[in-house]
Amino acid sequence: MKIDNTRRDFIKTSALVTGGLMTAPFVLPGAYAAPVNELKVALIGCGGRGTGATFQALATGHNIKVVAMADAFRDRLDNAYKALSEKYADKLAVTEETKFVGFDAYKNAMALADVVILATPPGFRPMHFEEAVKQGKQIFMEKPVAVDAVGIRKVLKAAEEAKAKKLNVVVGLQRHYQANYIETIKRIHNGDIGDIINGQVYWNDGGVWVRERQPGQTEMEYQMRNWYYFNWLCGDHINEQHVHNIDVANWVKQGPPVKAEGTGGRLIRTGKENGEIFDHHVLTYTYADGSVIHSECRHFPGAQNRVDESFQGTKGTAYLSAGNYGILKDWKGNMLYEHDRKNQPNPYQVEHDQLWAALFAGEYKFADAQNAANSTMTAIMGRYATYSGKPLTFDEALNGQVDLMPETLAWDAMPKVLPGPDMYYPHAIPGKTKVV
């Protein structure tokens, strides 16, 4: 089958939508008027981020009822239910009959709700997003939105259907809801530091949790439990974490890059428990105007941590970070803008405040999915470049045919990447690994 997705088409559908549209009314399934007085929500993916997102939804103060929960694992669902019930028992309308467990649990949970929170490992995001749109649900979903180009194309198609149905979609790239980013990047786009010619974006830290293999686990269960270290579930940390900083680069440049090239590997986190992902990626992304963004992410315990973004323009420089920094200077060092860091709201809460306010007002206001696919695809493109050791264009990456998802999702089925006799997993070898 010939696929003809291009960066030009991608920009047409993804630019300038994150963070709010001109409002238009929507009608909830089965409803005949807006605004609404109560909304029912289903949580799909009951880990830490899904539980946190549900807390943030309930903290908006609106009349929200959690009516269903779904997860592959019953213990994860139970932990989330316990945490939520300790603070929001009056907002939990979940019964044993509406706790769904297994790979297909999401479908049943969605059917009971007006709004869904999608927070499973990102490998499942395309199929869950497709189903939510098919069922006509309003959506909050976590980033990233896929782990390979096959998944990105599914998300893009579903995003168009969501717009046609006036389904609000907010994605957890929360810097788009953070005042220092909004105000500083607005000034960059207004030309305060001239044309952006270079930039540097970083997510360098010591790495995340590891979940050890337990006796009696099938291979599928082990990989699902230790999901961060398998690309079909996570997409590597360049995708799961560094997508935030890559998203800022694309936001500043007002579109994705045309090419990526770089290097990466496994230097420190090389154990059996570290699966197949790299522990460092270093890239250059080249944009259509010839400007270059340096991208760097690593998991090196004990090394310097750095999570921020810097840009250089023809008239000055910019510095941004999640710590509410937003600084613009001219090339002589004179301050052009410094964001007031005091008393800033939590952007994780702001994105929910804005989404739920729109939903209760009956407004169609948010279409974040295309931008999220844009930034996720840029991160995936970076992984393709470091895994292969070869430069790729955006169009080559977007049209990639390598599908990481297992053929069958069942506890006794086998993922596509399996350990060897020594229980170490094969990993990408630059110069040899096929990525697209």
Protein backbone atom coordinates (compact mmCIF):
# COMPACT_ATOMS: atom_id res chain seq x y z
CA MET A 1 0.00 0.00 0.00
CA LYS A 2 1.38 3.40 -0.94
CA ILE A 3 1.34 5.95 1.86
CA ASP A 4 1.86 9.59 1.05
CA ASN A 5 1.99 11.55 4.27
CA THR A 6 4.08 14.71 4.12
CA ARG A 7 5.37 17.29 6.56
CA ARG A 8 3.51 20.00 4.61
CA ASP A 9 0.16 18.25 5.16
CA PHE A 10 1.12 17.60 8.77
CA ILE A 11 1.68 21.29 9.44
CA LYS A 12 -1.64 22.20 7.84
CA THR A 13 -3.54 20.05 10.32
CA SER A 14 -1.43 20.55 13.43
CA ALA A 15 -0.34 24.17 13.61
CA LEU A 16 -1.92 26.75 15.87
CA VAL A 17 -4.50 24.55 17.56
CA THR A 18 -3.07 23.60 20.95
CA GLY A 19 -4.35 25.57 23.90
CA GLY A 20 -7.73 26.57 22.54
CA LEU A 21 -9.88 27.15 19.46
CA MET A 22 -12.55 29.72 18.73
CA THR A 23 -15.39 28.30 20.76
CA ALA A 24 -18.34 26.51 19.26
CA PRO A 25 -21.03 24.53 21.05
CA PHE A 26 -20.98 20.75 21.20
CA VAL A 27 -23.71 18.31 22.17
CA LEU A 28 -22.93 15.37 24.41
CA PRO A 29 -24.30 12.01 23.25
CA GLY A 30 -27.85 11.80 24.51
CA ALA A 31 -27.95 15.47 25.50
CA TYR A 32 -30.14 18.13 23.91
CA ALA A 33 -28.78 21.35 25.33
CA ALA A 34 -25.68 22.95 26.77
CA PRO A 35 -24.34 23.81 29.24
CA VAL A 36 -24.50 20.59 31.27
CA ASN A 37 -24.91 20.03 35.02
CA GLU A 38 -23.02 16.76 35.50
CA LEU A 39 -20.40 14.86 33.52
CA LYS A 40 -19.37 11.24 33.89
CA VAL A 41 -15.71 10.32 33.46
CA ALA A 42 -13.93 7.02 32.85
CA LEU A 43 -10.27 6.53 33.76
CA ILE A 44 -8.35 4.36 31.29
CA GLY A 45 -4.96 3.50 32.77
CA CYS A 46 -4.81 3.58 36.55
CA GLY A 47 -1.11 4.19 37.18
CA GLY A 48 0.39 7.26 38.76
CA ARG A 49 -0.29 9.65 35.89
CA GLY A 50 -3.85 8.45 35.34
CA THR A 51 -4.60 8.71 39.04
CA GLY A 52 -3.02 12.17 39.15
CA ALA A 53 -5.00 13.37 36.14
CA THR A 54 -8.22 12.18 37.77
CA PHE A 55 -7.35 14.03 40.97
CA GLN A 56 -6.81 17.16 38.88
CA ALA A 57 -10.13 16.73 37.08
CA LEU A 58 -11.97 16.37 40.38
CA ALA A 59 -10.09 19.32 41.88
CA THR A 60 -11.71 21.64 39.32
CA GLY A 61 -14.75 21.74 41.60
CA HIS A 62 -17.22 20.84 38.85
CA ASN A 63 -19.94 18.23 39.24
CA ILE A 64 -17.90 15.30 37.95
CA LYS A 65 -18.59 11.65 38.70
CA VAL A 66 -16.01 8.93 38.08
CA VAL A 67 -18.21 6.09 36.85
CA ALA A 68 -15.74 3.55 35.45
CA MET A 69 -12.09 2.54 35.68
CA ALA A 70 -10.04 0.30 33.41
CA ASP A 71 -6.55 -1.15 33.58
CA ALA A 72 -4.69 -4.21 32.41
CA PHE A 73 -3.90 -5.03 36.06
CA ARG A 74 -6.40 -5.30 38.90
CA ASP A 75 -3.89 -4.20 41.55
CA ARG A 76 -3.21 -0.94 39.69
CA LEU A 77 -6.94 -0.27 39.46
CA ASP A 78 -7.42 -1.03 43.15
CA ASN A 79 -4.58 1.29 44.17
CA ALA A 80 -6.04 4.13 42.13
CA TYR A 81 -9.53 3.54 43.50
CA LYS A 82 -8.23 3.55 47.08
CA ALA A 83 -6.30 6.80 46.56
CA LEU A 84 -9.26 8.56 44.93
CA SER A 85 -11.78 7.33 47.50
CA GLU A 86 -9.73 8.74 50.37
CA LYS A 87 -10.28 12.29 49.11
CA TYR A 88 -13.20 12.15 46.69
CA ALA A 89 -15.46 9.35 47.90
CA ASP A 90 -18.51 11.48 47.10
CA LYS A 91 -17.40 11.76 43.48
CA LEU A 92 -16.68 8.06 42.94
CA ALA A 93 -19.61 6.15 41.45
CA VAL A 94 -17.49 3.15 40.51
CA THR A 95 -18.85 -0.26 41.46
CA GLU A 96 -17.36 -3.74 41.07
CA GLU A 97 -19.40 -3.99 37.87
CA THR A 98 -17.73 -0.87 36.44
CA LYS A 99 -14.15 -1.85 37.28
CA PHE A 100 -12.83 -3.38 34.08
CA VAL A 101 -9.59 -5.35 33.82
CA GLY A 102 -7.71 -6.64 30.77
CA PHE A 103 -6.57 -5.56 27.35
CA ASP A 104 -10.12 -4.80 26.14
CA ALA A 105 -11.28 -3.19 29.38
CA TYR A 106 -11.11 0.32 27.91
CA LYS A 107 -14.04 -0.23 25.56
CA ASN A 108 -16.48 -1.13 28.33
CA ALA A 109 -15.34 1.71 30.58
CA MET A 110 -15.62 4.31 27.84
CA ALA A 111 -19.16 3.27 27.01
CA LEU A 112 -20.35 4.44 30.45
CA ALA A 113 -18.83 7.95 30.34
CA ASP A 114 -19.11 11.35 28.71
CA VAL A 115 -15.40 12.10 29.14
CA VAL A 116 -12.39 9.78 29.14
CA ILE A 117 -8.92 10.14 30.64
CA LEU A 118 -6.40 8.13 28.59
CA ALA A 119 -3.26 7.46 30.63
CA THR A 120 -1.99 3.98 29.84
CA PRO A 121 1.56 3.44 28.54
CA PRO A 122 1.72 5.35 25.24
CA GLY A 123 1.88 2.30 23.00
CA PHE A 124 -1.85 1.87 23.61
CA ARG A 125 -2.72 5.51 23.02
CA PRO A 126 -3.58 5.25 19.28
CA MET A 127 -6.12 2.43 19.74
CA HIS A 128 -7.62 4.03 22.84
CA PHE A 129 -7.89 7.42 21.16
CA GLU A 130 -9.48 5.83 18.08
CA GLU A 131 -12.08 4.10 20.24
CA ALA A 132 -12.83 7.22 22.29
CA VAL A 133 -13.44 9.21 19.11
CA LYS A 134 -15.54 6.39 17.65
CA GLN A 135 -17.70 6.43 20.78
CA GLY A 136 -18.00 10.23 20.67
CA LYS A 137 -16.27 11.02 23.95
CA GLN A 138 -14.64 14.24 25.13
CA ILE A 139 -10.98 13.44 25.80
CA PHE A 140 -8.03 14.17 28.01
CA MET A 141 -5.02 12.06 27.03
CA GLU A 142 -1.47 11.96 28.21
CA LYS A 143 1.58 12.44 26.08
CA PRO A 144 3.20 10.98 24.05
CA VAL A 145 0.44 9.83 21.74
CA ALA A 146 2.21 6.94 19.97
CA VAL A 147 5.48 5.02 19.80
CA ASP A 148 5.91 4.60 16.04
CA ALA A 149 4.83 6.14 12.75
CA VAL A 150 2.06 3.55 12.32
CA GLY A 151 0.49 4.79 15.54
CA ILE A 152 0.97 8.44 14.63
CA ARG A 153 -0.99 7.98 11.41
CA LYS A 154 -3.85 6.43 13.40
CA VAL A 155 -3.84 9.39 15.78
CA LEU A 156 -3.87 11.88 12.92
CA LYS A 157 -6.86 10.18 11.30
CA ALA A 158 -8.75 10.02 14.59
CA ALA A 159 -7.90 13.67 15.31
CA GLU A 160 -9.63 14.74 12.11
CA GLU A 161 -12.68 12.71 13.08
CA ALA A 162 -12.64 14.29 16.56
CA LYS A 163 -12.71 17.77 15.02
CA ALA A 164 -15.57 16.80 12.74
CA LYS A 165 -17.52 15.58 15.77
CA LYS A 166 -16.56 18.63 17.89
CA LEU A 167 -14.90 16.46 20.51
CA ASN A 168 -12.61 18.42 22.81
CA VAL A 169 -9.15 16.89 23.05
CA VAL A 170 -6.58 18.12 25.56
CA VAL A 171 -3.16 16.44 25.66
CA GLY A 172 -0.83 16.52 28.65
CA LEU A 173 1.89 18.60 27.03
CA GLN A 174 1.21 20.98 29.88
CA ARG A 175 3.74 23.65 28.93
CA HIS A 176 1.08 24.86 26.50
CA TYR A 177 -0.96 25.71 29.60
CA GLN A 178 1.95 27.24 31.56
CA ALA A 179 2.08 31.04 31.65
CA ASN A 180 5.85 31.50 31.33
CA TYR A 181 5.89 29.45 28.13
CA ILE A 182 2.80 31.11 26.70
CA GLU A 183 3.99 34.66 27.36
CA THR A 184 7.62 34.13 26.36
CA ILE A 185 6.89 32.25 23.16
CA LYS A 186 4.25 34.83 22.22
CA ARG A 187 7.00 37.45 22.37
CA ILE A 188 9.36 35.25 20.35
CA HIS A 189 6.70 34.92 17.66
CA ASN A 190 6.21 38.69 17.77
CA GLY A 191 9.87 39.07 16.80
CA ASP A 192 11.29 40.35 20.09
CA ILE A 193 14.56 38.44 19.57
CA GLY A 194 14.42 38.32 15.77
CA ASP A 195 14.44 35.15 13.69
CA ILE A 196 15.32 31.98 15.61
CA ILE A 197 18.49 30.48 14.13
CA ASN A 198 19.58 27.99 16.82
CA GLY A 199 18.34 26.30 19.95
CA GLN A 200 19.09 23.66 22.58
CA VAL A 201 16.56 21.46 24.36
CA TYR A 202 17.41 19.06 27.19
CA TRP A 203 15.97 16.36 29.41
CA ASN A 204 18.99 14.98 31.25
CA ASP A 205 18.44 13.14 34.54
CA GLY A 206 19.25 9.93 36.36
CA GLY A 207 16.44 7.84 34.91
CA VAL A 208 13.20 6.41 36.21
CA TRP A 209 11.92 3.37 38.11
CA VAL A 210 12.66 -0.25 37.27
CA ARG A 211 10.29 -3.13 38.00
CA GLU A 212 12.06 -6.43 38.46
CA ARG A 213 10.86 -9.67 36.89
CA GLN A 214 8.76 -11.72 39.31
CA PRO A 215 8.41 -15.52 39.51
CA GLY A 216 5.56 -16.84 37.41
CA GLN A 217 5.22 -13.81 35.16
CA THR A 218 4.66 -14.39 31.48
CA GLU A 219 6.86 -12.39 29.13
CA MET A 220 3.88 -10.21 28.25
CA GLU A 221 3.15 -9.42 31.89
CA TYR A 222 6.80 -8.65 32.64
CA GLN A 223 7.07 -6.21 29.76
CA MET A 224 3.76 -4.61 30.69
CA ARG A 225 4.90 -4.16 34.30
CA ASN A 226 8.34 -2.83 33.29
CA TRP A 227 6.87 -0.93 30.36
CA TYR A 228 9.29 2.00 30.32
CA TYR A 229 12.04 -0.17 28.87
CA PHE A 230 10.23 -1.58 25.84
CA ASN A 231 9.63 0.46 22.73
CA TRP A 232 6.23 -0.99 21.85
CA LEU A 233 4.98 0.41 25.15
CA CYS A 234 7.13 3.50 25.76
CA GLY A 235 8.99 4.48 22.60
CA ASP A 236 12.21 5.14 24.61
CA HIS A 237 12.73 8.07 26.97
CA ILE A 238 13.34 10.44 24.04
CA ASN A 239 9.65 9.90 23.35
CA GLU A 240 8.18 9.48 26.82
CA GLN A 241 10.04 12.35 28.55
CA HIS A 242 11.98 14.46 26.08
CA VAL A 243 8.87 14.98 23.95
CA HIS A 244 8.09 17.91 26.29
CA ASN A 245 11.24 19.79 25.27
CA ILE A 246 10.97 18.79 21.61
CA ASP A 247 7.41 20.09 21.69
CA VAL A 248 8.71 23.47 22.89
CA ALA A 249 11.21 23.56 20.00
CA ASN A 250 8.45 22.88 17.49
CA TRP A 251 6.23 25.48 19.16
CA VAL A 252 8.94 28.11 18.90
CA LYS A 253 9.69 27.13 15.29
CA GLN A 254 5.96 26.86 14.46
CA GLY A 255 6.25 23.42 12.91
CA PRO A 256 8.26 20.19 12.91
CA PRO A 257 11.79 19.82 11.52
CA VAL A 258 12.58 18.56 8.05
CA LYS A 259 15.49 16.32 9.11
CA ALA A 260 17.02 14.60 12.13
CA GLU A 261 20.46 13.09 12.60
CA GLY A 262 22.33 12.03 15.69
CA THR A 263 23.77 9.34 17.87
CA GLY A 264 22.83 7.38 20.96
CA GLY A 265 23.39 4.16 22.81
CA ARG A 266 23.48 2.20 26.06
CA LEU A 267 26.40 3.24 28.24
CA ILE A 268 25.34 3.03 31.91
CA ARG A 269 21.81 1.61 32.18
CA THR A 270 22.64 -1.65 30.41
CA GLY A 271 21.12 -4.33 32.66
CA LYS A 272 18.58 -7.00 31.82
CA GLU A 273 15.99 -4.88 33.60
CA ASN A 274 16.71 -1.96 31.23
CA GLY A 275 15.13 -3.79 28.32
CA GLU A 276 15.93 -2.46 24.87
CA ILE A 277 15.96 1.34 25.20
CA PHE A 278 19.00 3.59 24.94
CA ASP A 279 20.17 5.63 27.91
CA HIS A 280 21.23 8.63 25.81
CA HIS A 281 20.29 10.38 22.57
CA VAL A 282 22.02 13.41 21.08
CA LEU A 283 20.57 14.93 17.90
CA THR A 284 20.37 17.89 15.63
CA TYR A 285 16.99 18.75 14.17
CA THR A 286 17.08 20.92 11.05
CA TYR A 287 14.03 23.07 10.29
CA ALA A 288 12.74 24.30 6.95
CA ASP A 289 14.47 27.69 7.23
CA GLY A 290 17.86 26.05 7.88
CA SER A 291 17.89 26.70 11.63
CA VAL A 292 19.18 23.88 13.82
CA ILE A 293 17.99 22.73 17.26
CA HIS A 294 20.31 20.60 19.41
CA SER A 295 18.34 17.91 21.27
CA GLU A 296 19.82 15.94 24.16
CA CYS A 297 18.38 13.48 26.65
CA ARG A 298 20.10 10.98 28.90
CA HIS A 299 19.56 8.71 31.90
CA PHE A 300 22.91 8.87 33.71
CA PRO A 301 22.60 8.45 37.50
CA GLY A 302 24.85 10.87 39.35
CA ALA A 303 25.50 13.12 36.36
CA GLN A 304 24.27 16.70 36.01
CA ASN A 305 20.53 17.08 35.63
CA ARG A 306 19.17 19.58 33.14
CA VAL A 307 15.62 20.02 31.84
CA ASP A 308 15.12 23.28 29.91
CA GLU A 309 15.12 25.02 26.54
CA SER A 310 17.24 27.83 25.09
CA PHE A 311 17.00 29.61 21.74
CA GLN A 312 19.12 32.15 19.89
CA GLY A 313 17.66 34.69 17.50
CA THR A 314 19.14 37.34 15.26
CA LYS A 315 18.41 39.99 17.91
CA GLY A 316 18.72 38.10 21.19
CA THR A 317 18.27 34.96 23.26
CA ALA A 318 15.55 33.06 25.13
CA TYR A 319 15.61 30.76 28.14
CA LEU A 320 12.66 28.68 29.35
CA SER A 321 12.08 25.96 31.91
CA ALA A 322 9.27 24.22 33.77
CA GLY A 323 10.41 26.11 36.87
CA ASN A 324 8.46 29.11 35.51
CA TYR A 325 11.49 30.75 33.92
CA GLY A 326 10.84 32.81 30.81
CA ILE A 327 13.69 35.17 29.94
CA LEU A 328 14.44 37.19 26.81
CA LYS A 329 17.66 39.22 26.42
CA ASP A 330 19.25 41.13 23.60
CA TRP A 331 22.77 40.25 22.50
CA LYS A 332 24.24 42.87 24.83
CA GLY A 333 22.63 41.13 27.80
CA ASN A 334 19.88 43.67 28.36
CA MET A 335 16.69 42.16 29.75
CA LEU A 336 13.82 42.33 27.26
CA TYR A 337 11.36 40.22 29.25
CA GLU A 338 11.46 38.26 32.50
CA HIS A 339 8.42 36.31 33.52
CA ASP A 340 7.27 36.77 37.11
CA ARG A 341 7.85 33.36 38.67
CA LYS A 342 5.91 34.04 41.87
CA ASN A 343 2.51 32.51 42.59
CA GLN A 344 2.24 30.65 39.30
CA PRO A 345 -0.50 28.01 38.99
CA ASN A 346 0.31 24.35 38.40
CA PRO A 347 0.00 23.74 34.62
CA TYR A 348 -1.12 20.16 35.24
CA GLN A 349 -4.11 21.67 37.03
CA VAL A 350 -4.60 24.53 34.56
CA GLU A 351 -5.10 22.17 31.61
CA HIS A 352 -7.91 20.45 33.52
CA ASP A 353 -9.39 23.69 34.76
CA GLN A 354 -9.68 24.95 31.21
CA LEU A 355 -10.91 21.68 29.70
CA TRP A 356 -13.63 21.07 32.28
CA ALA A 357 -14.77 24.69 32.24
CA ALA A 358 -15.29 24.36 28.49
CA LEU A 359 -17.08 21.04 28.85
CA PHE A 360 -19.51 22.33 31.47
CA ALA A 361 -20.15 25.42 29.35
CA GLY A 362 -20.92 23.18 26.37
CA GLU A 363 -18.06 24.66 24.33
CA TYR A 364 -15.89 23.04 21.69
CA LYS A 365 -12.56 24.68 22.41
CA PHE A 366 -9.62 22.25 22.36
CA ALA A 367 -8.01 20.25 19.55
CA ASP A 368 -4.57 19.33 20.89
CA ALA A 369 -4.18 15.95 19.18
CA GLN A 370 -2.56 17.16 15.96
CA ASN A 371 0.08 19.17 17.75
CA ALA A 372 0.77 16.25 20.09
CA ALA A 373 1.16 13.96 17.09
CA ASN A 374 3.50 16.54 15.56
CA SER A 375 5.79 16.58 18.59
CA THR A 376 5.55 12.86 19.24
CA MET A 377 6.49 12.16 15.64
CA THR A 378 9.49 14.47 15.99
CA ALA A 379 10.64 12.47 19.03
CA ILE A 380 10.08 9.17 17.19
CA MET A 381 12.02 10.55 14.22
CA GLY A 382 14.88 11.28 16.62
CA ARG A 383 14.81 7.70 17.91
CA TYR A 384 14.80 6.42 14.34
CA ALA A 385 17.90 8.51 13.62
CA THR A 386 19.86 7.41 16.71
CA TYR A 387 18.86 3.74 16.41
CA SER A 388 19.78 3.58 12.72
CA GLY A 389 22.78 5.91 12.83
CA LYS A 390 21.45 7.55 9.68
CA PRO A 391 19.77 10.90 8.95
CA LEU A 392 16.06 10.82 8.16
CA THR A 393 13.69 13.34 6.69
CA PHE A 394 10.40 13.97 8.41
CA ASP A 395 8.47 12.48 5.50
CA GLU A 396 10.59 9.30 5.55
CA ALA A 397 9.93 8.91 9.26
CA LEU A 398 6.21 9.67 9.06
CA ASN A 399 5.73 7.05 6.34
CA GLY A 400 7.62 4.35 8.28
CA GLN A 401 6.15 0.84 8.12
CA VAL A 402 7.70 -0.79 11.20
CA ASP A 403 4.84 -1.61 13.58
CA LEU A 404 6.03 -2.30 17.14
CA MET A 405 2.71 -3.54 18.53
CA PRO A 406 2.47 -7.31 19.19
CA GLU A 407 0.29 -9.28 16.79
CA THR A 408 -1.87 -10.45 19.70
CA LEU A 409 -2.55 -8.78 23.04
CA ALA A 410 -2.99 -11.56 25.58
CA TRP A 411 -1.11 -12.63 28.69
CA ASP A 412 0.17 -15.79 27.01
CA ALA A 413 1.06 -14.03 23.75
CA MET A 414 4.60 -12.95 22.89
CA PRO A 415 5.78 -9.39 22.22
CA LYS A 416 7.99 -8.92 19.17
CA VAL A 417 11.19 -8.30 21.17
CA LEU A 418 12.21 -11.22 23.40
CA PRO A 419 15.20 -11.88 25.66
CA GLY A 420 18.00 -14.20 24.69
CA PRO A 421 19.13 -17.26 26.71
CA ASP A 422 21.04 -14.90 29.05
CA MET A 423 17.82 -12.88 29.57
CA TYR A 424 19.29 -9.76 27.98
CA TYR A 425 17.18 -8.09 25.32
CA PRO A 426 18.46 -7.23 21.85
CA HIS A 427 18.75 -3.50 21.23
CA ALA A 428 19.31 -1.25 18.25
CA ILE A 429 22.74 -1.29 16.60
CA PRO A 430 23.40 1.94 14.64
CA GLY A 431 24.30 1.12 11.08
CA LYS A 432 22.36 -2.16 11.16
CA THR A 433 18.92 -1.61 12.69
CA LYS A 434 15.94 -1.08 10.39
CA VAL A 435 13.68 1.66 11.75
CA VAL A 436 11.23 2.54 8.97
